[in-house]
């Protein structure tokens, strides 16, 4: 199963659930709107990859890489394969060119 930390920038994903190790902060994430079925978009990554900024339900949320590793997702269009990695590369290049 895919986890949120493996999704490139710009991709839309649907949350499937949490891994069993996420019990410690599961209630916190649920309270912030991360519920199964919600559609999220990866907006950006910090230069070192942590935190990850996602957009869901009309707001942006920053999550630590450790939290993203516990969130199971699928691509919103139903595909299980990565579609286009060029947006991830261009976003990283834009970050370093500033």
C-alpha atoms as a PDB file:
ATOM      1  CA  UNK A   1       0.000   0.000   0.000  1.00  0.00           C
ATOM      2  CA  UNK A   2       1.233   3.500  -0.834  1.00  0.00           C
ATOM      3  CA  UNK A   3       1.919   5.949   1.955  1.00  0.00           C
ATOM      4  CA  UNK A   4       1.666   9.728   1.776  1.00  0.00           C
ATOM      5  CA  UNK A   5       5.432  10.238   2.016  1.00  0.00           C
ATOM      6  CA  UNK A   6       5.955   8.446  -1.332  1.00  0.00           C
ATOM      7  CA  UNK A   7       3.676  10.741  -3.373  1.00  0.00           C
ATOM      8  CA  UNK A   8       5.277  13.401  -5.612  1.00  0.00           C
ATOM      9  CA  UNK A   9       4.341  17.093  -5.558  1.00  0.00           C
ATOM     10  CA  UNK A  10       1.180  17.985  -7.462  1.00  0.00           C
ATOM     11  CA  UNK A  11      -0.476  14.570  -7.227  1.00  0.00           C
ATOM     12  CA  UNK A  12      -3.996  14.123  -5.881  1.00  0.00           C
ATOM     13  CA  UNK A  13      -4.524  11.153  -3.588  1.00  0.00           C
ATOM     14  CA  UNK A  14      -7.387   9.649  -1.613  1.00  0.00           C
ATOM     15  CA  UNK A  15      -6.759   8.623   1.953  1.00  0.00           C
ATOM     16  CA  UNK A  16      -7.410   4.939   2.579  1.00  0.00           C
ATOM     17  CA  UNK A  17      -6.549   4.689   6.276  1.00  0.00           C
ATOM     18  CA  UNK A  18      -3.821   4.572   8.883  1.00  0.00           C
ATOM     19  CA  UNK A  19      -1.167   1.974   9.565  1.00  0.00           C
ATOM     20  CA  UNK A  20      -1.345   0.195  12.898  1.00  0.00           C
ATOM     21  CA  UNK A  21       1.657   2.114  14.236  1.00  0.00           C
ATOM     22  CA  UNK A  22      -0.290   5.408  13.932  1.00  0.00           C
ATOM     23  CA  UNK A  23      -2.415   4.823  17.034  1.00  0.00           C
ATOM     24  CA  UNK A  24      -0.515   7.442  19.054  1.00  0.00           C
ATOM     25  CA  UNK A  25      -1.461  10.401  16.858  1.00  0.00           C
ATOM     26  CA  UNK A  26      -4.388   8.939  14.907  1.00  0.00           C
ATOM     27  CA  UNK A  27      -6.978  10.957  16.861  1.00  0.00           C
ATOM     28  CA  UNK A  28      -5.040  14.173  16.246  1.00  0.00           C
ATOM     29  CA  UNK A  29      -4.992  13.539  12.492  1.00  0.00           C
ATOM     30  CA  UNK A  30      -8.689  12.629  12.444  1.00  0.00           C
ATOM     31  CA  UNK A  31      -9.512  15.878  14.260  1.00  0.00           C
ATOM     32  CA  UNK A  32      -7.599  17.815  11.591  1.00  0.00           C
ATOM     33  CA  UNK A  33      -9.774  16.353   8.832  1.00  0.00           C
ATOM     34  CA  UNK A  34      -7.637  13.422   7.725  1.00  0.00           C
ATOM     35  CA  UNK A  35     -10.430  10.897   7.433  1.00  0.00           C
ATOM     36  CA  UNK A  36     -10.650   7.920   5.073  1.00  0.00           C
ATOM     37  CA  UNK A  37     -11.907   8.988   1.648  1.00  0.00           C
ATOM     38  CA  UNK A  38     -10.675  12.596   1.792  1.00  0.00           C
ATOM     39  CA  UNK A  39      -8.888  13.861  -1.338  1.00  0.00           C
ATOM     40  CA  UNK A  40      -5.512  15.532  -0.746  1.00  0.00           C
ATOM     41  CA  UNK A  41      -2.960  17.247  -2.959  1.00  0.00           C
ATOM     42  CA  UNK A  42       0.745  17.360  -2.198  1.00  0.00           C
ATOM     43  CA  UNK A  43       1.561  21.075  -2.380  1.00  0.00           C
ATOM     44  CA  UNK A  44       5.245  21.230  -1.474  1.00  0.00           C
ATOM     45  CA  UNK A  45       8.104  19.694   0.430  1.00  0.00           C
ATOM     46  CA  UNK A  46      10.598  21.466   2.629  1.00  0.00           C
ATOM     47  CA  UNK A  47      14.107  21.453   1.111  1.00  0.00           C
ATOM     48  CA  UNK A  48      15.138  18.465   3.237  1.00  0.00           C
ATOM     49  CA  UNK A  49      11.793  16.688   2.718  1.00  0.00           C
ATOM     50  CA  UNK A  50      10.308  17.386   6.138  1.00  0.00           C
ATOM     51  CA  UNK A  51       7.620  18.672   6.625  1.00  0.00           C
ATOM     52  CA  UNK A  52       5.241  17.944   3.754  1.00  0.00           C
ATOM     53  CA  UNK A  53       2.501  20.455   2.944  1.00  0.00           C
ATOM     54  CA  UNK A  54      -0.823  18.999   1.780  1.00  0.00           C
ATOM     55  CA  UNK A  55      -4.077  20.658   0.783  1.00  0.00           C
ATOM     56  CA  UNK A  56      -7.359  19.093   1.868  1.00  0.00           C
ATOM     57  CA  UNK A  57     -10.870  20.355   2.582  1.00  0.00           C
ATOM     58  CA  UNK A  58      -9.902  23.887   1.497  1.00  0.00           C
ATOM     59  CA  UNK A  59      -6.922  24.392   3.814  1.00  0.00           C
ATOM     60  CA  UNK A  60      -3.256  23.466   3.897  1.00  0.00           C
ATOM     61  CA  UNK A  61      -1.719  21.255   6.514  1.00  0.00           C
ATOM     62  CA  UNK A  62       1.941  20.547   7.253  1.00  0.00           C
ATOM     63  CA  UNK A  63       2.775  17.010   8.320  1.00  0.00           C
ATOM     64  CA  UNK A  64       6.024  15.491   9.469  1.00  0.00           C
ATOM     65  CA  UNK A  65       7.545  12.761   7.338  1.00  0.00           C
ATOM     66  CA  UNK A  66       7.000  10.300  10.205  1.00  0.00           C
ATOM     67  CA  UNK A  67       3.251  11.085  10.164  1.00  0.00           C
ATOM     68  CA  UNK A  68       3.097  10.784   6.365  1.00  0.00           C
ATOM     69  CA  UNK A  69       4.633   7.315   6.584  1.00  0.00           C
ATOM     70  CA  UNK A  70       1.615   6.189   8.633  1.00  0.00           C
ATOM     71  CA  UNK A  71      -1.085   7.469   6.222  1.00  0.00           C
ATOM     72  CA  UNK A  72      -2.113   4.985   3.529  1.00  0.00           C
ATOM     73  CA  UNK A  73      -3.296   6.508   0.258  1.00  0.00           C
ATOM     74  CA  UNK A  74      -4.194   5.678  -3.322  1.00  0.00           C
ATOM     75  CA  UNK A  75      -4.091   7.905  -6.381  1.00  0.00           C
ATOM     76  CA  UNK A  76      -7.374   9.801  -6.696  1.00  0.00           C
ATOM     77  CA  UNK A  77      -7.948   8.560 -10.245  1.00  0.00           C
ATOM     78  CA  UNK A  78      -7.681   4.943  -9.090  1.00  0.00           C
ATOM     79  CA  UNK A  79      -4.218   4.221 -10.504  1.00  0.00           C
ATOM     80  CA  UNK A  80      -1.702   2.643  -8.176  1.00  0.00           C
ATOM     81  CA  UNK A  81       1.332   3.740 -10.211  1.00  0.00           C
ATOM     82  CA  UNK A  82       3.084   7.096 -10.150  1.00  0.00           C
ATOM     83  CA  UNK A  83       2.011   9.095 -13.189  1.00  0.00           C
ATOM     84  CA  UNK A  84       4.411  12.005 -13.616  1.00  0.00           C
ATOM     85  CA  UNK A  85       7.493  12.770 -11.605  1.00  0.00           C
ATOM     86  CA  UNK A  86       8.454  15.926 -13.547  1.00  0.00           C
ATOM     87  CA  UNK A  87       6.495  18.233 -11.217  1.00  0.00           C
ATOM     88  CA  UNK A  88       8.512  16.949  -8.259  1.00  0.00           C
ATOM     89  CA  UNK A  89      11.793  17.693 -10.013  1.00  0.00           C
ATOM     90  CA  UNK A  90      10.732  21.153 -11.182  1.00  0.00           C
ATOM     91  CA  UNK A  91       9.501  22.082  -7.693  1.00  0.00           C
ATOM     92  CA  UNK A  92      12.820  21.088  -6.151  1.00  0.00           C
ATOM     93  CA  UNK A  93      14.718  23.037  -8.815  1.00  0.00           C
ATOM     94  CA  UNK A  94      12.519  26.097  -8.226  1.00  0.00           C
ATOM     95  CA  UNK A  95      13.211  25.893  -4.511  1.00  0.00           C
ATOM     96  CA  UNK A  96      16.990  25.945  -5.018  1.00  0.00           C
ATOM     97  CA  UNK A  97      16.961  28.633  -7.726  1.00  0.00           C
ATOM     98  CA  UNK A  98      15.498  31.323  -5.440  1.00  0.00           C
END
